[in-house]
Amino acid sequence: MGSLLNEIFIGLSLTSILLMIALGLAIIYGAMGVINLAHGQFVMVGAYIAWFLQSQFGFNVIVGLPLTFISGALLGLLLERTIIQRLYQRPLDTILATWGIGIVLEQLVRTFLGPDSRYVGRPDFLDGNLVIGDIHMSYYRLFIIAFSILILFATWYLLYRTEFGAKLRAVIQNKEISECYGISSNKMYAMTFAYGAGLAAVAGSLITPFVSVTPTMGTELVVDAFLVVIVGGVGSIAGTAASALMIGEATAWLSYWFNDTTGRILILIGVIVLIRFRPQGLFPDTVRR
């Protein structure tokens, strides 16, 4: 029982990482209709920023989070303004373009930083475990869980309680009418893409104490994030949070009972069955399009 409870706790920390990555994907697709296949590379960029800040300036992961978010957001803004904004309403071209952008980012990292793995240590003040009975809860994992909840509520507040969110939702409902009222859809799209990229970079930074930092690290993570978005319902924040919890915990439990490979296979089979009978996801967005 103690081992199972520990796996559940690990599943919660995995859920938190998936949530931050998938939130960016869900917002970008829900608002812009862009399937961003380069999202995993934003995660990778965030991880390398965390490594750079620690190795060059001695900043730990937590201290470097604001710089990581800003750097990821600026990179996303640059790519949206130069490439992606020219491909709206062309979904196939957008998929190919973002896939190519991801390859370019990986190759740039390999060229200038090399393919070797990097290691980022966890902050000293979050080292150690909180022990309750047979449950060993890492302080760092507890921080990630709390931080992801904070990000979730901040995103909800941004979209539903601010002027920016009201304008973005207006653009989603009717772009042409919104522009008649002076709302710039291009500006809304750019800021939305930048915010999603910044969230991905933050997630990449936070996961570095658990994994090696490599040019390809974002690829596997973004596959799971896409599964979260599909299961939850594209564009739904509540659905993204619920499906992240389901997939994160299911992955932990199945890995405990079987192994990592079998667990991933069973998760994929479950998602395929769900898509077959409920293609809109569990919590579809009901906003008028």
C-alpha atoms as a PDB file:
ATOM      1  CA  MET A   1       0.000   0.000   0.000  1.00  0.00           C
ATOM      2  CA  GLY A   2       2.847   2.383   0.801  1.00  0.00           C
ATOM      3  CA  SER A   3       4.425   1.758  -2.605  1.00  0.00           C
ATOM      4  CA  LEU A   4       1.102   2.346  -4.352  1.00  0.00           C
ATOM      5  CA  LEU A   5       0.545   5.622  -2.497  1.00  0.00           C
ATOM      6  CA  ASN A   6       4.037   6.746  -3.453  1.00  0.00           C
ATOM      7  CA  GLU A   7       3.238   5.979  -7.093  1.00  0.00           C
ATOM      8  CA  ILE A   8       0.043   8.024  -6.814  1.00  0.00           C
ATOM      9  CA  PHE A   9       2.072  10.957  -5.505  1.00  0.00           C
ATOM     10  CA  ILE A  10       4.555  10.596  -8.377  1.00  0.00           C
ATOM     11  CA  GLY A  11       1.567  10.536 -10.727  1.00  0.00           C
ATOM     12  CA  LEU A  12       0.421  13.875  -9.311  1.00  0.00           C
ATOM     13  CA  SER A  13       3.803  15.457 -10.055  1.00  0.00           C
ATOM     14  CA  LEU A  14       3.680  14.000 -13.591  1.00  0.00           C
ATOM     15  CA  THR A  15       0.170  15.405 -13.911  1.00  0.00           C
ATOM     16  CA  SER A  16       1.479  18.834 -12.958  1.00  0.00           C
ATOM     17  CA  ILE A  17       4.135  18.838 -15.691  1.00  0.00           C
ATOM     18  CA  LEU A  18       1.665  17.552 -18.308  1.00  0.00           C
ATOM     19  CA  LEU A  19      -0.833  20.206 -17.262  1.00  0.00           C
ATOM     20  CA  MET A  20       1.561  23.106 -17.818  1.00  0.00           C
ATOM     21  CA  ILE A  21       2.626  21.771 -21.226  1.00  0.00           C
ATOM     22  CA  ALA A  22      -0.914  20.902 -22.326  1.00  0.00           C
ATOM     23  CA  LEU A  23      -2.366  24.232 -21.182  1.00  0.00           C
ATOM     24  CA  GLY A  24      -0.230  26.021 -23.761  1.00  0.00           C
ATOM     25  CA  LEU A  25      -1.295  23.583 -26.477  1.00  0.00           C
ATOM     26  CA  ALA A  26      -4.983  23.845 -25.567  1.00  0.00           C
ATOM     27  CA  ILE A  27      -4.966  27.650 -25.500  1.00  0.00           C
ATOM     28  CA  ILE A  28      -3.090  27.980 -28.786  1.00  0.00           C
ATOM     29  CA  TYR A  29      -5.333  25.540 -30.631  1.00  0.00           C
ATOM     30  CA  GLY A  30      -8.548  26.715 -29.002  1.00  0.00           C
ATOM     31  CA  ALA A  31      -7.886  30.369 -29.831  1.00  0.00           C
ATOM     32  CA  MET A  32      -5.939  30.155 -33.081  1.00  0.00           C
ATOM     33  CA  GLY A  33      -6.699  26.752 -34.579  1.00  0.00           C
ATOM     34  CA  VAL A  34      -2.953  26.080 -34.802  1.00  0.00           C
ATOM     35  CA  ILE A  35      -1.635  22.564 -34.160  1.00  0.00           C
ATOM     36  CA  ASN A  36       1.808  23.465 -32.880  1.00  0.00           C
ATOM     37  CA  LEU A  37       4.147  20.516 -33.449  1.00  0.00           C
ATOM     38  CA  ALA A  38       7.072  22.643 -32.245  1.00  0.00           C
ATOM     39  CA  HIS A  39       5.612  22.855 -28.748  1.00  0.00           C
ATOM     40  CA  GLY A  40       7.954  20.144 -27.488  1.00  0.00           C
ATOM     41  CA  GLN A  41      10.932  22.175 -28.651  1.00  0.00           C
ATOM     42  CA  PHE A  42       9.753  25.090 -26.493  1.00  0.00           C
ATOM     43  CA  VAL A  43       9.892  22.660 -23.570  1.00  0.00           C
ATOM     44  CA  MET A  44      13.437  21.746 -24.605  1.00  0.00           C
ATOM     45  CA  VAL A  45      14.430  25.414 -24.891  1.00  0.00           C
ATOM     46  CA  GLY A  46      13.131  26.049 -21.360  1.00  0.00           C
ATOM     47  CA  ALA A  47      15.242  23.170 -20.048  1.00  0.00           C
ATOM     48  CA  TYR A  48      18.387  24.517 -21.712  1.00  0.00           C
ATOM     49  CA  ILE A  49      17.689  27.993 -20.350  1.00  0.00           C
ATOM     50  CA  ALA A  50      17.492  26.505 -16.841  1.00  0.00           C
ATOM     51  CA  TRP A  51      20.790  24.690 -17.416  1.00  0.00           C
ATOM     52  CA  PHE A  52      22.455  27.849 -18.748  1.00  0.00           C
ATOM     53  CA  LEU A  53      21.275  30.006 -15.854  1.00  0.00           C
ATOM     54  CA  GLN A  54      22.513  27.443 -13.330  1.00  0.00           C
ATOM     55  CA  SER A  55      25.860  26.719 -14.979  1.00  0.00           C
ATOM     56  CA  GLN A  56      26.754  30.319 -15.841  1.00  0.00           C
ATOM     57  CA  PHE A  57      25.137  32.404 -13.091  1.00  0.00           C
ATOM     58  CA  GLY A  58      24.382  29.911 -10.334  1.00  0.00           C
ATOM     59  CA  PHE A  59      20.631  30.509 -10.522  1.00  0.00           C
ATOM     60  CA  ASN A  60      18.575  27.541  -9.412  1.00  0.00           C
ATOM     61  CA  VAL A  61      15.470  26.427 -11.287  1.00  0.00           C
ATOM     62  CA  ILE A  62      13.061  28.444  -9.130  1.00  0.00           C
ATOM     63  CA  VAL A  63      15.003  31.714  -9.319  1.00  0.00           C
ATOM     64  CA  GLY A  64      15.312  31.375 -13.097  1.00  0.00           C
ATOM     65  CA  LEU A  65      11.584  30.779 -13.760  1.00  0.00           C
ATOM     66  CA  PRO A  66      10.741  34.406 -14.652  1.00  0.00           C
ATOM     67  CA  LEU A  67      13.631  34.602 -17.131  1.00  0.00           C
ATOM     68  CA  THR A  68      12.680  31.214 -18.552  1.00  0.00           C
ATOM     69  CA  PHE A  69       9.072  32.276 -19.105  1.00  0.00           C
ATOM     70  CA  ILE A  70      10.076  35.565 -20.725  1.00  0.00           C
ATOM     71  CA  SER A  71      12.633  33.880 -22.990  1.00  0.00           C
ATOM     72  CA  GLY A  72      10.156  31.200 -24.101  1.00  0.00           C
ATOM     73  CA  ALA A  73       7.441  33.785 -24.689  1.00  0.00           C
ATOM     74  CA  LEU A  74       9.756  36.007 -26.743  1.00  0.00           C
ATOM     75  CA  LEU A  75      10.831  33.037 -28.886  1.00  0.00           C
ATOM     76  CA  GLY A  76       7.182  32.098 -29.428  1.00  0.00           C
ATOM     77  CA  LEU A  77       6.318  35.701 -30.292  1.00  0.00           C
ATOM     78  CA  LEU A  78       9.162  35.870 -32.808  1.00  0.00           C
ATOM     79  CA  LEU A  79       8.092  32.664 -34.564  1.00  0.00           C
ATOM     80  CA  GLU A  80       4.426  33.682 -34.590  1.00  0.00           C
ATOM     81  CA  ARG A  81       5.156  37.110 -36.063  1.00  0.00           C
ATOM     82  CA  THR A  82       7.574  35.868 -38.721  1.00  0.00           C
ATOM     83  CA  ILE A  83       6.120  32.517 -39.839  1.00  0.00           C
ATOM     84  CA  ILE A  84       2.935  31.248 -38.224  1.00  0.00           C
ATOM     85  CA  GLN A  85       0.798  34.367 -38.724  1.00  0.00           C
ATOM     86  CA  ARG A  86       1.118  33.892 -42.481  1.00  0.00           C
ATOM     87  CA  LEU A  87      -0.435  30.417 -42.282  1.00  0.00           C
ATOM     88  CA  TYR A  88      -3.720  30.976 -40.454  1.00  0.00           C
ATOM     89  CA  GLN A  89      -6.680  29.110 -41.965  1.00  0.00           C
ATOM     90  CA  ARG A  90      -4.189  26.706 -43.575  1.00  0.00           C
ATOM     91  CA  PRO A  91      -3.995  23.863 -41.040  1.00  0.00           C
ATOM     92  CA  LEU A  92      -1.903  21.468 -43.118  1.00  0.00           C
ATOM     93  CA  ASP A  93       0.667  24.148 -43.903  1.00  0.00           C
ATOM     94  CA  THR A  94       0.755  25.132 -40.219  1.00  0.00           C
ATOM     95  CA  ILE A  95       1.422  21.537 -39.165  1.00  0.00           C
ATOM     96  CA  LEU A  96       4.279  21.218 -41.653  1.00  0.00           C
ATOM     97  CA  ALA A  97       5.717  24.619 -40.732  1.00  0.00           C
ATOM     98  CA  THR A  98       5.706  24.003 -36.973  1.00  0.00           C
ATOM     99  CA  TRP A  99       7.181  20.529 -37.503  1.00  0.00           C
ATOM    100  CA  GLY A 100       9.987  22.131 -39.518  1.00  0.00           C
ATOM    101  CA  ILE A 101      10.492  24.810 -36.864  1.00  0.00           C
ATOM    102  CA  GLY A 102      10.906  22.085 -34.255  1.00  0.00           C
ATOM    103  CA  ILE A 103      13.567  20.319 -36.331  1.00  0.00           C
ATOM    104  CA  VAL A 104      15.437  23.596 -36.863  1.00  0.00           C
ATOM    105  CA  LEU A 105      15.424  24.385 -33.126  1.00  0.00           C
ATOM    106  CA  GLU A 106      16.765  20.918 -32.300  1.00  0.00           C
ATOM    107  CA  GLN A 107      19.540  21.209 -34.871  1.00  0.00           C
ATOM    108  CA  LEU A 108      20.513  24.678 -33.657  1.00  0.00           C
ATOM    109  CA  VAL A 109      20.886  23.335 -30.123  1.00  0.00           C
ATOM    110  CA  ARG A 110      22.969  20.397 -31.377  1.00  0.00           C
ATOM    111  CA  THR A 111      25.186  22.714 -33.418  1.00  0.00           C
ATOM    112  CA  PHE A 112      25.922  25.296 -30.734  1.00  0.00           C
ATOM    113  CA  LEU A 113      25.631  23.263 -27.521  1.00  0.00           C
ATOM    114  CA  GLY A 114      26.315  19.718 -28.696  1.00  0.00           C
ATOM    115  CA  PRO A 115      24.263  16.528 -28.307  1.00  0.00           C
ATOM    116  CA  ASP A 116      25.605  15.638 -24.845  1.00  0.00           C
ATOM    117  CA  SER A 117      23.214  15.365 -21.910  1.00  0.00           C
ATOM    118  CA  ARG A 118      23.167  18.118 -19.312  1.00  0.00           C
ATOM    119  CA  TYR A 119      22.150  17.906 -15.684  1.00  0.00           C
ATOM    120  CA  VAL A 120      20.308  20.497 -13.616  1.00  0.00           C
ATOM    121  CA  GLY A 121      20.132  20.047  -9.869  1.00  0.00           C
ATOM    122  CA  ARG A 122      17.118  20.772  -7.745  1.00  0.00           C
ATOM    123  CA  PRO A 123      17.233  23.807  -5.407  1.00  0.00           C
ATOM    124  CA  ASP A 124      18.932  23.116  -2.103  1.00  0.00           C
ATOM    125  CA  PHE A 125      16.022  24.448  -0.040  1.00  0.00           C
ATOM    126  CA  LEU A 126      13.684  21.939  -1.740  1.00  0.00           C
ATOM    127  CA  ASP A 127      15.971  18.962  -1.239  1.00  0.00           C
ATOM    128  CA  GLY A 128      14.693  16.120   0.930  1.00  0.00           C
ATOM    129  CA  ASN A 129      11.346  14.429   1.556  1.00  0.00           C
ATOM    130  CA  LEU A 130       8.254  14.940   3.644  1.00  0.00           C
ATOM    131  CA  VAL A 131       7.580  11.552   5.262  1.00  0.00           C
ATOM    132  CA  ILE A 132       4.052  10.668   6.373  1.00  0.00           C
ATOM    133  CA  GLY A 133       3.846   7.024   7.362  1.00  0.00           C
ATOM    134  CA  ASP A 134       5.046   4.995   4.394  1.00  0.00           C
ATOM    135  CA  ILE A 135       4.649   7.905   1.953  1.00  0.00           C
ATOM    136  CA  HIS A 136       7.803   9.780   0.952  1.00  0.00           C
ATOM    137  CA  MET A 137       6.891  13.063  -0.733  1.00  0.00           C
ATOM    138  CA  SER A 138       9.709  15.038  -2.294  1.00  0.00           C
ATOM    139  CA  TYR A 139       9.609  18.722  -1.400  1.00  0.00           C
ATOM    140  CA  TYR A 140      10.455  19.571  -4.982  1.00  0.00           C
ATOM    141  CA  ARG A 141       7.560  17.481  -6.338  1.00  0.00           C
ATOM    142  CA  LEU A 142       5.252  19.155  -3.821  1.00  0.00           C
ATOM    143  CA  PHE A 143       6.415  22.523  -5.129  1.00  0.00           C
ATOM    144  CA  ILE A 144       5.690  21.475  -8.731  1.00  0.00           C
ATOM    145  CA  ILE A 145       2.172  20.356  -7.788  1.00  0.00           C
ATOM    146  CA  ALA A 146       1.455  23.639  -5.976  1.00  0.00           C
ATOM    147  CA  PHE A 147       2.985  25.713  -8.778  1.00  0.00           C
ATOM    148  CA  SER A 148       0.938  23.959 -11.484  1.00  0.00           C
ATOM    149  CA  ILE A 149      -2.267  24.646  -9.539  1.00  0.00           C
ATOM    150  CA  LEU A 150      -1.226  28.306  -9.334  1.00  0.00           C
ATOM    151  CA  ILE A 151      -0.595  28.385 -13.099  1.00  0.00           C
ATOM    152  CA  LEU A 152      -3.984  26.763 -13.767  1.00  0.00           C
ATOM    153  CA  PHE A 153      -5.870  29.377 -11.748  1.00  0.00           C
ATOM    154  CA  ALA A 154      -3.769  32.209 -13.190  1.00  0.00           C
ATOM    155  CA  THR A 155      -4.608  31.040 -16.715  1.00  0.00           C
ATOM    156  CA  TRP A 156      -8.294  30.772 -15.857  1.00  0.00           C
ATOM    157  CA  TYR A 157      -8.226  34.271 -14.373  1.00  0.00           C
ATOM    158  CA  LEU A 158      -6.409  35.630 -17.426  1.00  0.00           C
ATOM    159  CA  LEU A 159      -8.980  34.191 -19.826  1.00  0.00           C
ATOM    160  CA  TYR A 160     -12.185  34.862 -17.886  1.00  0.00           C
ATOM    161  CA  ARG A 161     -11.532  37.812 -15.582  1.00  0.00           C
ATOM    162  CA  THR A 162      -9.330  40.227 -17.557  1.00  0.00           C
ATOM    163  CA  GLU A 163      -9.775  42.543 -20.515  1.00  0.00           C
ATOM    164  CA  PHE A 164      -7.314  40.451 -22.527  1.00  0.00           C
ATOM    165  CA  GLY A 165      -9.391  37.326 -21.914  1.00  0.00           C
ATOM    166  CA  ALA A 166     -12.618  39.067 -22.901  1.00  0.00           C
ATOM    167  CA  LYS A 167     -11.051  40.258 -26.152  1.00  0.00           C
ATOM    168  CA  LEU A 168      -9.593  36.835 -26.887  1.00  0.00           C
ATOM    169  CA  ARG A 169     -12.923  35.111 -26.314  1.00  0.00           C
ATOM    170  CA  ALA A 170     -14.591  37.686 -28.556  1.00  0.00           C
ATOM    171  CA  VAL A 171     -12.096  36.914 -31.317  1.00  0.00           C
ATOM    172  CA  ILE A 172     -12.717  33.185 -30.877  1.00  0.00           C
ATOM    173  CA  GLN A 173     -16.481  33.633 -31.166  1.00  0.00           C
ATOM    174  CA  ASN A 174     -16.474  36.002 -34.143  1.00  0.00           C
ATOM    175  CA  LYS A 175     -13.224  37.414 -35.504  1.00  0.00           C
ATOM    176  CA  GLU A 176     -14.798  39.783 -38.045  1.00  0.00           C
ATOM    177  CA  ILE A 177     -17.249  41.415 -35.631  1.00  0.00           C
ATOM    178  CA  SER A 178     -14.512  41.743 -32.993  1.00  0.00           C
ATOM    179  CA  GLU A 179     -12.294  43.631 -35.434  1.00  0.00           C
ATOM    180  CA  CYS A 180     -15.201  45.980 -36.156  1.00  0.00           C
ATOM    181  CA  TYR A 181     -15.096  46.917 -32.461  1.00  0.00           C
ATOM    182  CA  GLY A 182     -11.381  47.684 -32.648  1.00  0.00           C
ATOM    183  CA  ILE A 183      -9.993  44.401 -31.328  1.00  0.00           C
ATOM    184  CA  SER A 184      -6.853  43.367 -33.206  1.00  0.00           C
ATOM    185  CA  SER A 185      -7.061  39.618 -33.772  1.00  0.00           C
ATOM    186  CA  ASN A 186      -3.397  39.509 -34.855  1.00  0.00           C
ATOM    187  CA  LYS A 187      -2.340  41.048 -31.547  1.00  0.00           C
ATOM    188  CA  MET A 188      -4.511  38.602 -29.591  1.00  0.00           C
ATOM    189  CA  TYR A 189      -3.061  35.652 -31.514  1.00  0.00           C
ATOM    190  CA  ALA A 190       0.514  36.819 -30.981  1.00  0.00           C
ATOM    191  CA  MET A 191       0.075  37.271 -27.224  1.00  0.00           C
ATOM    192  CA  THR A 192      -1.724  33.923 -26.925  1.00  0.00           C
ATOM    193  CA  PHE A 193       1.026  32.062 -28.768  1.00  0.00           C
ATOM    194  CA  ALA A 194       3.683  33.781 -26.664  1.00  0.00           C
ATOM    195  CA  TYR A 195       1.888  32.820 -23.439  1.00  0.00           C
ATOM    196  CA  GLY A 196       1.583  29.179 -24.513  1.00  0.00           C
ATOM    197  CA  ALA A 197       5.259  29.048 -25.477  1.00  0.00           C
ATOM    198  CA  GLY A 198       6.221  30.600 -22.144  1.00  0.00           C
ATOM    199  CA  LEU A 199       4.253  27.950 -20.235  1.00  0.00           C
ATOM    200  CA  ALA A 200       6.005  25.198 -22.198  1.00  0.00           C
ATOM    201  CA  ALA A 201       9.406  26.707 -21.386  1.00  0.00           C
ATOM    202  CA  VAL A 202       8.540  26.867 -17.676  1.00  0.00           C
ATOM    203  CA  ALA A 203       7.465  23.215 -17.727  1.00  0.00           C
ATOM    204  CA  GLY A 204      10.736  22.276 -19.406  1.00  0.00           C
ATOM    205  CA  SER A 205      12.674  24.144 -16.753  1.00  0.00           C
ATOM    206  CA  LEU A 206      10.836  22.494 -13.864  1.00  0.00           C
ATOM    207  CA  ILE A 207      11.304  18.958 -15.175  1.00  0.00           C
ATOM    208  CA  THR A 208      15.102  19.247 -15.536  1.00  0.00           C
ATOM    209  CA  PRO A 209      15.962  17.784 -12.081  1.00  0.00           C
ATOM    210  CA  PHE A 210      14.149  14.574 -13.122  1.00  0.00           C
ATOM    211  CA  VAL A 211      15.491  14.038 -16.657  1.00  0.00           C
ATOM    212  CA  SER A 212      18.616  14.666 -18.684  1.00  0.00           C
ATOM    213  CA  VAL A 213      18.585  17.822 -20.767  1.00  0.00           C
ATOM    214  CA  THR A 214      18.986  16.790 -24.413  1.00  0.00           C
ATOM    215  CA  PRO A 215      17.932  18.269 -27.784  1.00  0.00           C
ATOM    216  CA  THR A 216      15.219  15.591 -28.197  1.00  0.00           C
ATOM    217  CA  MET A 217      13.749  15.675 -24.689  1.00  0.00           C
ATOM    218  CA  GLY A 218      10.641  17.640 -25.702  1.00  0.00           C
ATOM    219  CA  THR A 219       9.422  15.144 -28.284  1.00  0.00           C
ATOM    220  CA  GLU A 220       8.214  12.466 -25.859  1.00  0.00           C
ATOM    221  CA  LEU A 221       6.690  14.996 -23.483  1.00  0.00           C
ATOM    222  CA  VAL A 222       4.664  16.751 -26.161  1.00  0.00           C
ATOM    223  CA  VAL A 223       3.137  13.451 -27.324  1.00  0.00           C
ATOM    224  CA  ASP A 224       1.654  12.960 -23.850  1.00  0.00           C
ATOM    225  CA  ALA A 225       0.537  16.602 -23.818  1.00  0.00           C
ATOM    226  CA  PHE A 226      -1.310  16.134 -27.122  1.00  0.00           C
ATOM    227  CA  LEU A 227      -3.049  13.106 -25.604  1.00  0.00           C
ATOM    228  CA  VAL A 228      -4.117  15.277 -22.657  1.00  0.00           C
ATOM    229  CA  VAL A 229      -5.591  17.926 -24.979  1.00  0.00           C
ATOM    230  CA  ILE A 230      -7.416  15.338 -27.115  1.00  0.00           C
ATOM    231  CA  VAL A 231      -8.921  13.520 -24.139  1.00  0.00           C
ATOM    232  CA  GLY A 232      -9.938  16.697 -22.325  1.00  0.00           C
ATOM    233  CA  GLY A 233     -11.436  18.449 -25.332  1.00  0.00           C
ATOM    234  CA  VAL A 234      -9.576  20.964 -27.450  1.00  0.00           C
ATOM    235  CA  GLY A 235      -9.696  24.469 -25.999  1.00  0.00           C
ATOM    236  CA  SER A 236     -11.182  23.455 -22.636  1.00  0.00           C
ATOM    237  CA  ILE A 237      -9.143  24.468 -19.587  1.00  0.00           C
ATOM    238  CA  ALA A 238     -11.202  22.344 -17.199  1.00  0.00           C
ATOM    239  CA  GLY A 239     -10.967  19.412 -19.599  1.00  0.00           C
ATOM    240  CA  THR A 240      -7.210  19.824 -19.892  1.00  0.00           C
ATOM    241  CA  ALA A 241      -6.811  19.775 -16.105  1.00  0.00           C
ATOM    242  CA  ALA A 242      -9.067  16.737 -15.677  1.00  0.00           C
ATOM    243  CA  SER A 243      -7.473  14.728 -18.486  1.00  0.00           C
ATOM    244  CA  ALA A 244      -3.956  15.594 -17.244  1.00  0.00           C
ATOM    245  CA  LEU A 245      -4.919  14.145 -13.862  1.00  0.00           C
ATOM    246  CA  MET A 246      -6.417  11.032 -15.475  1.00  0.00           C
ATOM    247  CA  ILE A 247      -3.489  10.335 -17.792  1.00  0.00           C
ATOM    248  CA  GLY A 248      -0.815  11.227 -15.231  1.00  0.00           C
ATOM    249  CA  GLU A 249      -2.287   8.959 -12.562  1.00  0.00           C
ATOM    250  CA  ALA A 250      -3.088   6.172 -15.025  1.00  0.00           C
ATOM    251  CA  THR A 251       0.512   6.251 -16.238  1.00  0.00           C
ATOM    252  CA  ALA A 252       1.809   5.968 -12.659  1.00  0.00           C
ATOM    253  CA  TRP A 253      -0.553   3.142 -11.731  1.00  0.00           C
ATOM    254  CA  LEU A 254       0.007   1.118 -14.903  1.00  0.00           C
ATOM    255  CA  SER A 255       3.772   1.565 -14.616  1.00  0.00           C
ATOM    256  CA  TYR A 256       3.541   0.280 -11.047  1.00  0.00           C
ATOM    257  CA  TRP A 257       1.490  -2.797 -11.912  1.00  0.00           C
ATOM    258  CA  PHE A 258       3.236  -3.600 -15.211  1.00  0.00           C
ATOM    259  CA  ASN A 259       6.150  -1.532 -16.586  1.00  0.00           C
ATOM    260  CA  ASP A 260       6.654   1.801 -18.338  1.00  0.00           C
ATOM    261  CA  THR A 261       6.362   0.405 -21.865  1.00  0.00           C
ATOM    262  CA  THR A 262       3.218  -1.640 -21.177  1.00  0.00           C
ATOM    263  CA  GLY A 263       1.683   1.277 -19.316  1.00  0.00           C
ATOM    264  CA  ARG A 264       2.240   3.625 -22.255  1.00  0.00           C
ATOM    265  CA  ILE A 265       0.745   1.095 -24.677  1.00  0.00           C
ATOM    266  CA  LEU A 266      -2.368   0.684 -22.535  1.00  0.00           C
ATOM    267  CA  ILE A 267      -2.761   4.465 -22.268  1.00  0.00           C
ATOM    268  CA  LEU A 268      -2.576   4.812 -26.064  1.00  0.00           C
ATOM    269  CA  ILE A 269      -5.140   2.051 -26.561  1.00  0.00           C
ATOM    270  CA  GLY A 270      -7.470   3.765 -24.104  1.00  0.00           C
ATOM    271  CA  VAL A 271      -7.128   7.110 -25.894  1.00  0.00           C
ATOM    272  CA  ILE A 272      -7.794   5.477 -29.287  1.00  0.00           C
ATOM    273  CA  VAL A 273     -10.969   3.850 -27.959  1.00  0.00           C
ATOM    274  CA  LEU A 274     -12.092   7.174 -26.473  1.00  0.00           C
ATOM    275  CA  ILE A 275     -11.513   9.030 -29.743  1.00  0.00           C
ATOM    276  CA  ARG A 276     -13.483   6.353 -31.607  1.00  0.00           C
ATOM    277  CA  PHE A 277     -16.607   6.823 -29.490  1.00  0.00           C
ATOM    278  CA  ARG A 278     -16.191  10.443 -28.308  1.00  0.00           C
ATOM    279  CA  PRO A 279     -13.987  12.359 -30.782  1.00  0.00           C
ATOM    280  CA  GLN A 280     -14.814  15.736 -29.194  1.00  0.00           C
ATOM    281  CA  GLY A 281     -13.169  14.682 -25.929  1.00  0.00           C
ATOM    282  CA  LEU A 282     -14.603  14.359 -22.433  1.00  0.00           C
ATOM    283  CA  PHE A 283     -15.095  18.079 -21.796  1.00  0.00           C
ATOM    284  CA  PRO A 284     -15.544  19.789 -25.180  1.00  0.00           C
ATOM    285  CA  ASP A 285     -15.502  23.560 -25.484  1.00  0.00           C
ATOM    286  CA  THR A 286     -19.063  24.784 -26.128  1.00  0.00           C
ATOM    287  CA  VAL A 287     -18.182  28.344 -27.170  1.00  0.00           C
ATOM    288  CA  ARG A 288     -19.906  29.397 -30.400  1.00  0.00           C
ATOM    289  CA  ARG A 289     -17.567  29.336 -33.362  1.00  0.00           C
END
